[in-house]
Amino acid sequence: MGDIAEFHRAYLPFDELESAELVTLAAVAEPETHGAGAAILAQGAGPPEHVRMIRTARRLR
């Protein structure tokens, strides 16, 4: 199983999925990279169309 699937396995609700379902999910995942301070969701922009999971983050000081 790949890195993305293993990452999802550690979190609800993905931890309930079978291995084959996790592999399918990972195959359609689209990793994104955002710079520090970038807005990922904008207030008032309406509901998001995709699920986003933050994998790593740096604390802003």
Protein backbone atom coordinates (compact mmCIF):
# COMPACT_ATOMS: atom_id res chain seq x y z
CA MET A 1 0.00 0.00 0.00
CA GLY A 2 1.32 3.43 -0.85
CA ASP A 3 2.28 6.36 1.33
CA ILE A 4 -0.97 8.30 0.76
CA ALA A 5 -3.14 5.29 1.60
CA GLU A 6 -1.13 4.61 4.78
CA PHE A 7 -1.51 8.26 5.81
CA HIS A 8 -5.30 8.14 5.40
CA ARG A 9 -5.52 4.86 7.34
CA ALA A 10 -4.52 6.71 10.52
CA TYR A 11 -7.55 9.07 10.50
CA LEU A 12 -11.33 8.89 10.78
CA PRO A 13 -13.33 8.01 8.74
CA PHE A 14 -10.68 6.49 6.47
CA ASP A 15 -9.48 4.06 9.16
CA GLU A 16 -12.68 2.07 8.57
CA LEU A 17 -11.94 1.44 4.88
CA GLU A 18 -10.68 -1.86 3.49
CA SER A 19 -7.17 -1.87 1.98
CA ALA A 20 -8.55 -1.95 -1.58
CA GLU A 21 -10.73 1.09 -0.85
CA LEU A 22 -7.75 2.98 0.57
CA VAL A 23 -5.73 2.19 -2.55
CA THR A 24 -8.60 3.48 -4.72
CA LEU A 25 -8.81 6.67 -2.65
CA ALA A 26 -5.06 7.21 -2.87
CA ALA A 27 -5.16 6.77 -6.65
CA VAL A 28 -7.43 9.80 -7.03
CA ALA A 29 -5.85 11.97 -4.32
CA GLU A 30 -4.28 15.18 -5.58
CA PRO A 31 -1.52 16.37 -3.24
CA GLU A 32 -1.16 20.14 -3.02
CA THR A 33 1.61 22.33 -1.68
CA HIS A 34 0.89 25.77 -0.24
CA GLY A 35 3.29 28.37 1.03
CA ALA A 36 3.26 29.66 4.58
CA GLY A 37 0.30 31.95 5.19
CA ALA A 38 -1.55 30.86 2.04
CA ALA A 39 -5.33 30.71 2.29
CA ILE A 40 -6.56 27.19 1.65
CA LEU A 41 -10.22 28.03 2.21
CA ALA A 42 -11.61 31.53 1.81
CA GLN A 43 -14.31 32.86 4.12
CA GLY A 44 -17.56 33.43 2.23
CA ALA A 45 -16.43 31.44 -0.81
CA GLY A 46 -19.14 28.82 -0.39
CA PRO A 47 -18.78 25.18 0.54
CA PRO A 48 -15.62 23.40 -0.61
CA GLU A 49 -16.01 20.87 -3.41
CA HIS A 50 -13.26 18.55 -2.16
CA VAL A 51 -12.04 17.10 1.10
CA ARG A 52 -8.68 18.46 2.16
CA MET A 53 -6.40 16.95 4.76
CA ILE A 54 -3.38 18.82 6.03
CA ARG A 55 -0.47 16.43 6.20
CA THR A 56 2.24 18.73 7.49
CA ALA A 57 2.20 22.28 8.67
CA ARG A 58 4.55 24.73 10.24
CA ARG A 59 3.42 26.88 13.11
CA LEU A 60 3.43 30.58 12.29
CA ARG A 61 5.06 32.76 14.90
